């Protein structure tokens, strides 16, 4: 199963008519690593997510939101209290605004 970030990046790349190897070259990473990012088998570094937004002419905020959401999901996906933990974090974040 792909990640939200990976699926969106793939969609944006295809809309731009770019090949994986072209995007990988612009990121200065190898094509197999880039492919794993799209498939959700590897988590991109934050800097890569920002660079991808530029390469793919995408909304940086959207890609960073999906990138972060995938990271949070990866940490809590097997926890029974995941929903409660997210509610607690949401409450804490709202109190900072």
PDB file of N, CA and C in Angstrom:
ATOM      1  N   UNK A   1       0.842  -1.194   0.000  1.00  0.00           N
ATOM      2  CA  UNK A   1       0.000   0.000   0.000  1.00  0.00           C
ATOM      3  C   UNK A   1       0.880   1.248   0.000  1.00  0.00           C
ATOM      4  N   UNK A   2       0.586   2.170  -0.858  1.00  0.00           N
ATOM      5  CA  UNK A   2       1.371   3.397  -0.951  1.00  0.00           C
ATOM      6  C   UNK A   2       1.032   4.375   0.155  1.00  0.00           C
ATOM      7  N   UNK A   3       1.860   5.369   0.277  1.00  0.00           N
ATOM      8  CA  UNK A   3       1.616   6.442   1.231  1.00  0.00           C
ATOM      9  C   UNK A   3       0.850   7.554   0.535  1.00  0.00           C
ATOM     10  N   UNK A   4       0.214   8.395   1.320  1.00  0.00           N
ATOM     11  CA  UNK A   4      -0.489   9.542   0.732  1.00  0.00           C
ATOM     12  C   UNK A   4       0.490  10.417  -0.045  1.00  0.00           C
ATOM     13  N   UNK A   5       1.660  10.634   0.548  1.00  0.00           N
ATOM     14  CA  UNK A   5       2.688  11.448  -0.085  1.00  0.00           C
ATOM     15  C   UNK A   5       3.148  10.807  -1.392  1.00  0.00           C
ATOM     16  N   UNK A   6       3.500   9.541  -1.349  1.00  0.00           N
ATOM     17  CA  UNK A   6       4.003   8.839  -2.523  1.00  0.00           C
ATOM     18  C   UNK A   6       2.990   8.806  -3.660  1.00  0.00           C
ATOM     19  N   UNK A   7       1.742   8.536  -3.311  1.00  0.00           N
ATOM     20  CA  UNK A   7       0.699   8.487  -4.342  1.00  0.00           C
ATOM     21  C   UNK A   7       0.491   9.857  -4.994  1.00  0.00           C
ATOM     22  N   UNK A   8       0.532  10.907  -4.183  1.00  0.00           N
ATOM     23  CA  UNK A   8       0.342  12.263  -4.719  1.00  0.00           C
ATOM     24  C   UNK A   8       1.522  12.669  -5.599  1.00  0.00           C
ATOM     25  N   UNK A   9       2.730  12.324  -5.161  1.00  0.00           N
ATOM     26  CA  UNK A   9       3.917  12.650  -5.951  1.00  0.00           C
ATOM     27  C   UNK A   9       3.864  11.932  -7.296  1.00  0.00           C
ATOM     28  N   UNK A  10       3.471  10.671  -7.278  1.00  0.00           N
ATOM     29  CA  UNK A  10       3.365   9.916  -8.537  1.00  0.00           C
ATOM     30  C   UNK A  10       2.348  10.578  -9.460  1.00  0.00           C
ATOM     31  N   UNK A  11       1.211  10.944  -8.898  1.00  0.00           N
ATOM     32  CA  UNK A  11       0.162  11.596  -9.686  1.00  0.00           C
ATOM     33  C   UNK A  11       0.681  12.898 -10.310  1.00  0.00           C
ATOM     34  N   UNK A  12       1.360  13.699  -9.512  1.00  0.00           N
ATOM     35  CA  UNK A  12       1.888  14.971 -10.005  1.00  0.00           C
ATOM     36  C   UNK A  12       2.960  14.751 -11.077  1.00  0.00           C
ATOM     37  N   UNK A  13       3.810  13.759 -10.862  1.00  0.00           N
ATOM     38  CA  UNK A  13       4.864  13.451 -11.841  1.00  0.00           C
ATOM     39  C   UNK A  13       4.248  13.050 -13.176  1.00  0.00           C
ATOM     40  N   UNK A  14       3.232  12.204 -13.118  1.00  0.00           N
ATOM     41  CA  UNK A  14       2.587  11.742 -14.350  1.00  0.00           C
ATOM     42  C   UNK A  14       1.887  12.886 -15.074  1.00  0.00           C
ATOM     43  N   UNK A  15       1.262  13.786 -14.327  1.00  0.00           N
ATOM     44  CA  UNK A  15       0.614  14.952 -14.941  1.00  0.00           C
ATOM     45  C   UNK A  15       1.654  15.814 -15.669  1.00  0.00           C
ATOM     46  N   UNK A  16       2.839  15.918 -15.095  1.00  0.00           N
ATOM     47  CA  UNK A  16       3.920  16.698 -15.712  1.00  0.00           C
ATOM     48  C   UNK A  16       4.560  15.964 -16.893  1.00  0.00           C
ATOM     49  N   UNK A  17       4.231  14.676 -17.041  1.00  0.00           N
ATOM     50  CA  UNK A  17       4.806  13.889 -18.127  1.00  0.00           C
ATOM     51  C   UNK A  17       6.264  13.530 -17.912  1.00  0.00           C
ATOM     52  N   UNK A  18       6.655  13.435 -16.643  1.00  0.00           N
ATOM     53  CA  UNK A  18       8.045  13.122 -16.311  1.00  0.00           C
ATOM     54  C   UNK A  18       8.202  11.644 -15.970  1.00  0.00           C
ATOM     55  N   UNK A  19       9.348  11.109 -16.285  1.00  0.00           N
ATOM     56  CA  UNK A  19       9.689   9.741 -15.910  1.00  0.00           C
ATOM     57  C   UNK A  19      10.326   9.740 -14.526  1.00  0.00           C
ATOM     58  N   UNK A  20      10.237   8.607 -13.848  1.00  0.00           N
ATOM     59  CA  UNK A  20      10.867   8.497 -12.535  1.00  0.00           C
ATOM     60  C   UNK A  20      12.350   8.837 -12.609  1.00  0.00           C
ATOM     61  N   UNK A  21      13.025   8.359 -13.637  1.00  0.00           N
ATOM     62  CA  UNK A  21      14.467   8.592 -13.735  1.00  0.00           C
ATOM     63  C   UNK A  21      14.783  10.078 -13.910  1.00  0.00           C
ATOM     64  N   UNK A  22      13.895  10.817 -14.555  1.00  0.00           N
ATOM     65  CA  UNK A  22      14.106  12.259 -14.720  1.00  0.00           C
ATOM     66  C   UNK A  22      13.996  12.982 -13.380  1.00  0.00           C
ATOM     67  N   UNK A  23      12.974  12.626 -12.613  1.00  0.00           N
ATOM     68  CA  UNK A  23      12.788  13.257 -11.308  1.00  0.00           C
ATOM     69  C   UNK A  23      13.925  12.859 -10.370  1.00  0.00           C
ATOM     70  N   UNK A  24      14.286  11.590 -10.391  1.00  0.00           N
ATOM     71  CA  UNK A  24      15.388  11.116  -9.545  1.00  0.00           C
ATOM     72  C   UNK A  24      16.669  11.886  -9.856  1.00  0.00           C
ATOM     73  N   UNK A  25      16.949  12.112 -11.132  1.00  0.00           N
ATOM     74  CA  UNK A  25      18.152  12.852 -11.514  1.00  0.00           C
ATOM     75  C   UNK A  25      18.113  14.280 -10.976  1.00  0.00           C
ATOM     76  N   UNK A  26      16.942  14.922 -11.038  1.00  0.00           N
ATOM     77  CA  UNK A  26      16.805  16.286 -10.514  1.00  0.00           C
ATOM     78  C   UNK A  26      16.987  16.331  -8.997  1.00  0.00           C
ATOM     79  N   UNK A  27      16.609  15.238  -8.332  1.00  0.00           N
ATOM     80  CA  UNK A  27      16.779  15.139  -6.872  1.00  0.00           C
ATOM     81  C   UNK A  27      18.177  14.665  -6.491  1.00  0.00           C
ATOM     82  N   UNK A  28      18.919  14.219  -7.488  1.00  0.00           N
ATOM     83  CA  UNK A  28      20.253  13.661  -7.281  1.00  0.00           C
ATOM     84  C   UNK A  28      20.224  12.422  -6.394  1.00  0.00           C
ATOM     85  N   UNK A  29      19.224  11.555  -6.670  1.00  0.00           N
ATOM     86  CA  UNK A  29      19.133  10.250  -6.023  1.00  0.00           C
ATOM     87  C   UNK A  29      18.957   9.213  -7.130  1.00  0.00           C
ATOM     88  N   UNK A  30      19.161   7.942  -6.796  1.00  0.00           N
ATOM     89  CA  UNK A  30      19.003   6.937  -7.843  1.00  0.00           C
ATOM     90  C   UNK A  30      17.520   6.608  -8.055  1.00  0.00           C
ATOM     91  N   UNK A  31      17.242   6.112  -9.244  1.00  0.00           N
ATOM     92  CA  UNK A  31      15.859   5.827  -9.630  1.00  0.00           C
ATOM     93  C   UNK A  31      15.190   4.799  -8.720  1.00  0.00           C
ATOM     94  N   UNK A  32      15.858   3.698  -8.335  1.00  0.00           N
ATOM     95  CA  UNK A  32      15.199   2.743  -7.440  1.00  0.00           C
ATOM     96  C   UNK A  32      14.770   3.374  -6.100  1.00  0.00           C
ATOM     97  N   UNK A  33      15.584   4.269  -5.560  1.00  0.00           N
ATOM     98  CA  UNK A  33      15.205   4.946  -4.312  1.00  0.00           C
ATOM     99  C   UNK A  33      13.984   5.823  -4.544  1.00  0.00           C
ATOM    100  N   UNK A  34      13.973   6.574  -5.639  1.00  0.00           N
ATOM    101  CA  UNK A  34      12.818   7.414  -5.941  1.00  0.00           C
ATOM    102  C   UNK A  34      11.556   6.570  -6.102  1.00  0.00           C
ATOM    103  N   UNK A  35      11.693   5.443  -6.779  1.00  0.00           N
ATOM    104  CA  UNK A  35      10.565   4.544  -6.979  1.00  0.00           C
ATOM    105  C   UNK A  35      10.008   4.056  -5.641  1.00  0.00           C
ATOM    106  N   UNK A  36      10.886   3.754  -4.709  1.00  0.00           N
ATOM    107  CA  UNK A  36      10.454   3.314  -3.381  1.00  0.00           C
ATOM    108  C   UNK A  36       9.712   4.418  -2.639  1.00  0.00           C
ATOM    109  N   UNK A  37      10.122   5.659  -2.841  1.00  0.00           N
ATOM    110  CA  UNK A  37       9.413   6.789  -2.220  1.00  0.00           C
ATOM    111  C   UNK A  37       7.994   6.863  -2.771  1.00  0.00           C
ATOM    112  N   UNK A  38       7.844   6.743  -4.080  1.00  0.00           N
ATOM    113  CA  UNK A  38       6.503   6.775  -4.678  1.00  0.00           C
ATOM    114  C   UNK A  38       5.638   5.618  -4.198  1.00  0.00           C
ATOM    115  N   UNK A  39       6.225   4.455  -4.012  1.00  0.00           N
ATOM    116  CA  UNK A  39       5.470   3.267  -3.582  1.00  0.00           C
ATOM    117  C   UNK A  39       5.248   3.232  -2.071  1.00  0.00           C
ATOM    118  N   UNK A  40       5.853   4.154  -1.344  1.00  0.00           N
ATOM    119  CA  UNK A  40       5.681   4.190   0.102  1.00  0.00           C
ATOM    120  C   UNK A  40       6.573   3.215   0.842  1.00  0.00           C
ATOM    121  N   UNK A  41       7.591   2.703   0.178  1.00  0.00           N
ATOM    122  CA  UNK A  41       8.518   1.771   0.812  1.00  0.00           C
ATOM    123  C   UNK A  41       9.667   2.491   1.514  1.00  0.00           C
ATOM    124  N   UNK A  42       9.868   3.762   1.196  1.00  0.00           N
ATOM    125  CA  UNK A  42      10.873   4.599   1.835  1.00  0.00           C
ATOM    126  C   UNK A  42      10.246   5.945   2.125  1.00  0.00           C
ATOM    127  N   UNK A  43      10.610   6.519   3.250  1.00  0.00           N
ATOM    128  CA  UNK A  43      10.129   7.854   3.591  1.00  0.00           C
ATOM    129  C   UNK A  43      11.149   8.867   3.086  1.00  0.00           C
ATOM    130  N   UNK A  44      10.678   9.816   2.328  1.00  0.00           N
ATOM    131  CA  UNK A  44      11.559  10.867   1.821  1.00  0.00           C
ATOM    132  C   UNK A  44      11.974  11.778   2.968  1.00  0.00           C
ATOM    133  N   UNK A  45      13.145  12.351   2.850  1.00  0.00           N
ATOM    134  CA  UNK A  45      13.555  13.384   3.793  1.00  0.00           C
ATOM    135  C   UNK A  45      12.725  14.634   3.521  1.00  0.00           C
ATOM    136  N   UNK A  46      12.584  15.450   4.534  1.00  0.00           N
ATOM    137  CA  UNK A  46      11.783  16.667   4.388  1.00  0.00           C
ATOM    138  C   UNK A  46      12.308  17.542   3.246  1.00  0.00           C
ATOM    139  N   UNK A  47      13.627  17.633   3.120  1.00  0.00           N
ATOM    140  CA  UNK A  47      14.228  18.450   2.069  1.00  0.00           C
ATOM    141  C   UNK A  47      13.839  17.924   0.678  1.00  0.00           C
ATOM    142  N   UNK A  48      13.723  16.608   0.566  1.00  0.00           N
ATOM    143  CA  UNK A  48      13.321  16.001  -0.705  1.00  0.00           C
ATOM    144  C   UNK A  48      11.871  16.366  -1.014  1.00  0.00           C
ATOM    145  N   UNK A  49      11.024  16.357   0.006  1.00  0.00           N
ATOM    146  CA  UNK A  49       9.620  16.726  -0.185  1.00  0.00           C
ATOM    147  C   UNK A  49       9.502  18.164  -0.686  1.00  0.00           C
ATOM    148  N   UNK A  50      10.292  19.054  -0.108  1.00  0.00           N
ATOM    149  CA  UNK A  50      10.279  20.459  -0.532  1.00  0.00           C
ATOM    150  C   UNK A  50      10.777  20.583  -1.970  1.00  0.00           C
ATOM    151  N   UNK A  51      11.853  19.879  -2.282  1.00  0.00           N
ATOM    152  CA  UNK A  51      12.413  19.919  -3.637  1.00  0.00           C
ATOM    153  C   UNK A  51      11.420  19.343  -4.651  1.00  0.00           C
ATOM    154  N   UNK A  52      10.730  18.278  -4.274  1.00  0.00           N
ATOM    155  CA  UNK A  52       9.728  17.685  -5.162  1.00  0.00           C
ATOM    156  C   UNK A  52       8.612  18.677  -5.482  1.00  0.00           C
ATOM    157  N   UNK A  53       8.208  19.447  -4.497  1.00  0.00           N
ATOM    158  CA  UNK A  53       7.162  20.443  -4.735  1.00  0.00           C
ATOM    159  C   UNK A  53       7.602  21.404  -5.833  1.00  0.00           C
ATOM    160  N   UNK A  54       8.845  21.809  -5.776  1.00  0.00           N
ATOM    161  CA  UNK A  54       9.377  22.721  -6.792  1.00  0.00           C
ATOM    162  C   UNK A  54       9.455  22.036  -8.157  1.00  0.00           C
ATOM    163  N   UNK A  55      10.009  20.842  -8.195  1.00  0.00           N
ATOM    164  CA  UNK A  55      10.166  20.106  -9.461  1.00  0.00           C
ATOM    165  C   UNK A  55       8.817  19.840 -10.117  1.00  0.00           C
ATOM    166  N   UNK A  56       7.842  19.443  -9.298  1.00  0.00           N
ATOM    167  CA  UNK A  56       6.534  19.037  -9.826  1.00  0.00           C
ATOM    168  C   UNK A  56       5.521  20.177  -9.894  1.00  0.00           C
ATOM    169  N   UNK A  57       5.993  21.395  -9.595  1.00  0.00           N
ATOM    170  CA  UNK A  57       5.126  22.581  -9.628  1.00  0.00           C
ATOM    171  C   UNK A  57       3.881  22.367  -8.765  1.00  0.00           C
ATOM    172  N   UNK A  58       4.136  21.857  -7.561  1.00  0.00           N
ATOM    173  CA  UNK A  58       3.050  21.511  -6.638  1.00  0.00           C
ATOM    174  C   UNK A  58       3.034  22.464  -5.453  1.00  0.00           C
ATOM    175  N   UNK A  59       1.947  22.436  -4.730  1.00  0.00           N
ATOM    176  CA  UNK A  59       1.802  23.220  -3.515  1.00  0.00           C
ATOM    177  C   UNK A  59       2.689  22.600  -2.425  1.00  0.00           C
ATOM    178  N   UNK A  60       3.713  23.334  -2.014  1.00  0.00           N
ATOM    179  CA  UNK A  60       4.646  22.825  -0.999  1.00  0.00           C
ATOM    180  C   UNK A  60       3.924  22.471   0.299  1.00  0.00           C
ATOM    181  N   UNK A  61       2.988  23.299   0.702  1.00  0.00           N
ATOM    182  CA  UNK A  61       2.243  23.043   1.945  1.00  0.00           C
ATOM    183  C   UNK A  61       1.486  21.712   1.860  1.00  0.00           C
ATOM    184  N   UNK A  62       0.867  21.438   0.707  1.00  0.00           N
ATOM    185  CA  UNK A  62       0.134  20.183   0.533  1.00  0.00           C
ATOM    186  C   UNK A  62       1.076  18.984   0.651  1.00  0.00           C
ATOM    187  N   UNK A  63       2.202  19.033  -0.052  1.00  0.00           N
ATOM    188  CA  UNK A  63       3.122  17.900   0.001  1.00  0.00           C
ATOM    189  C   UNK A  63       3.713  17.707   1.384  1.00  0.00           C
ATOM    190  N   UNK A  64       4.059  18.805   2.064  1.00  0.00           N
ATOM    191  CA  UNK A  64       4.605  18.674   3.416  1.00  0.00           C
ATOM    192  C   UNK A  64       3.556  18.153   4.394  1.00  0.00           C
ATOM    193  N   UNK A  65       2.309  18.522   4.197  1.00  0.00           N
ATOM    194  CA  UNK A  65       1.231  18.006   5.046  1.00  0.00           C
ATOM    195  C   UNK A  65       1.087  16.496   4.866  1.00  0.00           C
ATOM    196  N   UNK A  66       1.087  16.039   3.625  1.00  0.00           N
ATOM    197  CA  UNK A  66       0.992  14.596   3.360  1.00  0.00           C
ATOM    198  C   UNK A  66       2.222  13.862   3.877  1.00  0.00           C
ATOM    199  N   UNK A  67       3.394  14.457   3.702  1.00  0.00           N
ATOM    200  CA  UNK A  67       4.649  13.871   4.185  1.00  0.00           C
ATOM    201  C   UNK A  67       4.584  13.678   5.703  1.00  0.00           C
ATOM    202  N   UNK A  68       4.152  14.717   6.411  1.00  0.00           N
ATOM    203  CA  UNK A  68       4.073  14.650   7.866  1.00  0.00           C
ATOM    204  C   UNK A  68       2.989  13.671   8.318  1.00  0.00           C
ATOM    205  N   UNK A  69       1.850  13.681   7.650  1.00  0.00           N
ATOM    206  CA  UNK A  69       0.763  12.757   7.989  1.00  0.00           C
ATOM    207  C   UNK A  69       1.222  11.309   7.858  1.00  0.00           C
ATOM    208  N   UNK A  70       1.983  11.015   6.814  1.00  0.00           N
ATOM    209  CA  UNK A  70       2.508   9.656   6.637  1.00  0.00           C
ATOM    210  C   UNK A  70       3.460   9.279   7.765  1.00  0.00           C
ATOM    211  N   UNK A  71       4.260  10.233   8.201  1.00  0.00           N
ATOM    212  CA  UNK A  71       5.201   9.948   9.293  1.00  0.00           C
ATOM    213  C   UNK A  71       4.450   9.671  10.602  1.00  0.00           C
ATOM    214  N   UNK A  72       3.436  10.466  10.878  1.00  0.00           N
ATOM    215  CA  UNK A  72       2.632  10.249  12.084  1.00  0.00           C
ATOM    216  C   UNK A  72       1.957   8.887  12.016  1.00  0.00           C
ATOM    217  N   UNK A  73       1.367   8.587  10.880  1.00  0.00           N
ATOM    218  CA  UNK A  73       0.695   7.299  10.696  1.00  0.00           C
ATOM    219  C   UNK A  73       1.656   6.137  10.924  1.00  0.00           C
ATOM    220  N   UNK A  74       2.862   6.250  10.387  1.00  0.00           N
ATOM    221  CA  UNK A  74       3.845   5.181  10.524  1.00  0.00           C
ATOM    222  C   UNK A  74       4.177   4.912  11.988  1.00  0.00           C
ATOM    223  N   UNK A  75       4.194   5.943  12.807  1.00  0.00           N
ATOM    224  CA  UNK A  75       4.511   5.791  14.228  1.00  0.00           C
ATOM    225  C   UNK A  75       3.364   5.153  14.998  1.00  0.00           C
ATOM    226  N   UNK A  76       2.124   5.488  14.660  1.00  0.00           N
ATOM    227  CA  UNK A  76       0.993   5.071  15.498  1.00  0.00           C
ATOM    228  C   UNK A  76       0.116   3.967  14.906  1.00  0.00           C
ATOM    229  N   UNK A  77       0.401   3.529  13.696  1.00  0.00           N
ATOM    230  CA  UNK A  77      -0.509   2.631  12.986  1.00  0.00           C
ATOM    231  C   UNK A  77      -0.851   1.346  13.733  1.00  0.00           C
ATOM    232  N   UNK A  78       0.017   0.845  14.565  1.00  0.00           N
ATOM    233  CA  UNK A  78      -0.238  -0.412  15.273  1.00  0.00           C
ATOM    234  C   UNK A  78      -0.622  -0.231  16.737  1.00  0.00           C
ATOM    235  N   UNK A  79      -0.888   0.982  17.121  1.00  0.00           N
ATOM    236  CA  UNK A  79      -1.221   1.279  18.519  1.00  0.00           C
ATOM    237  C   UNK A  79      -2.733   1.306  18.729  1.00  0.00           C
ATOM    238  N   UNK A  80      -3.193   0.627  19.756  1.00  0.00           N
ATOM    239  CA  UNK A  80      -4.632   0.615  20.047  1.00  0.00           C
ATOM    240  C   UNK A  80      -5.156   2.003  20.392  1.00  0.00           C
ATOM    241  N   UNK A  81      -4.338   2.802  21.018  1.00  0.00           N
ATOM    242  CA  UNK A  81      -4.779   4.124  21.464  1.00  0.00           C
ATOM    243  C   UNK A  81      -4.467   5.225  20.442  1.00  0.00           C
ATOM    244  N   UNK A  82      -4.246   4.847  19.201  1.00  0.00           N
ATOM    245  CA  UNK A  82      -3.860   5.815  18.173  1.00  0.00           C
ATOM    246  C   UNK A  82      -4.871   6.956  18.052  1.00  0.00           C
ATOM    247  N   UNK A  83      -6.134   6.639  17.995  1.00  0.00           N
ATOM    248  CA  UNK A  83      -7.163   7.674  17.868  1.00  0.00           C
ATOM    249  C   UNK A  83      -7.169   8.622  19.044  1.00  0.00           C
ATOM    250  N   UNK A  84      -7.064   8.071  20.249  1.00  0.00           N
ATOM    251  CA  UNK A  84      -7.031   8.912  21.451  1.00  0.00           C
ATOM    252  C   UNK A  84      -5.779   9.787  21.467  1.00  0.00           C
ATOM    253  N   UNK A  85      -4.659   9.222  21.040  1.00  0.00           N
ATOM    254  CA  UNK A  85      -3.414   9.984  21.003  1.00  0.00           C
ATOM    255  C   UNK A  85      -3.526  11.148  20.018  1.00  0.00           C
ATOM    256  N   UNK A  86      -4.122  10.883  18.856  1.00  0.00           N
ATOM    257  CA  UNK A  86      -4.293  11.954  17.873  1.00  0.00           C
ATOM    258  C   UNK A  86      -5.205  13.057  18.399  1.00  0.00           C
ATOM    259  N   UNK A  87      -6.251  12.670  19.127  1.00  0.00           N
ATOM    260  CA  UNK A  87      -7.140  13.672  19.725  1.00  0.00           C
ATOM    261  C   UNK A  87      -6.381  14.526  20.725  1.00  0.00           C
ATOM    262  N   UNK A  88      -5.539  13.898  21.540  1.00  0.00           N
ATOM    263  CA  UNK A  88      -4.758  14.634  22.536  1.00  0.00           C
ATOM    264  C   UNK A  88      -3.781  15.591  21.865  1.00  0.00           C
ATOM    265  N   UNK A  89      -3.144  15.136  20.799  1.00  0.00           N
ATOM    266  CA  UNK A  89      -2.209  15.997  20.066  1.00  0.00           C
ATOM    267  C   UNK A  89      -2.958  17.151  19.422  1.00  0.00           C
ATOM    268  N   UNK A  90      -4.110  16.864  18.828  1.00  0.00           N
ATOM    269  CA  UNK A  90      -4.903  17.901  18.191  1.00  0.00           C
ATOM    270  C   UNK A  90      -5.302  18.964  19.212  1.00  0.00           C
ATOM    271  N   UNK A  91      -5.707  18.519  20.379  1.00  0.00           N
ATOM    272  CA  UNK A  91      -6.096  19.453  21.446  1.00  0.00           C
ATOM    273  C   UNK A  91      -4.912  20.331  21.845  1.00  0.00           C
ATOM    274  N   UNK A  92      -3.745  19.700  21.966  1.00  0.00           N
ATOM    275  CA  UNK A  92      -2.542  20.438  22.353  1.00  0.00           C
ATOM    276  C   UNK A  92      -2.161  21.447  21.270  1.00  0.00           C
ATOM    277  N   UNK A  93      -2.262  21.046  20.005  1.00  0.00           N
ATOM    278  CA  UNK A  93      -1.933  21.954  18.916  1.00  0.00           C
ATOM    279  C   UNK A  93      -2.898  23.145  18.872  1.00  0.00           C
ATOM    280  N   UNK A  94      -4.180  22.885  19.112  1.00  0.00           N
ATOM    281  CA  UNK A  94      -5.172  23.955  19.099  1.00  0.00           C
ATOM    282  C   UNK A  94      -4.917  24.962  20.206  1.00  0.00           C
ATOM    283  N   UNK A  95      -4.410  24.495  21.342  1.00  0.00           N
ATOM    284  CA  UNK A  95      -4.148  25.402  22.450  1.00  0.00           C
ATOM    285  C   UNK A  95      -2.948  26.314  22.179  1.00  0.00           C
ATOM    286  N   UNK A  96      -2.107  25.935  21.227  1.00  0.00           N
ATOM    287  CA  UNK A  96      -0.937  26.753  20.868  1.00  0.00           C
ATOM    288  C   UNK A  96      -1.300  27.856  19.891  1.00  0.00           C
ATOM    289  N   UNK A  97      -2.461  27.728  19.253  1.00  0.00           N
ATOM    290  CA  UNK A  97      -2.857  28.723  18.232  1.00  0.00           C
ATOM    291  C   UNK A  97      -3.444  29.955  18.864  1.00  0.00           C
TER     292      UNK A  97
END
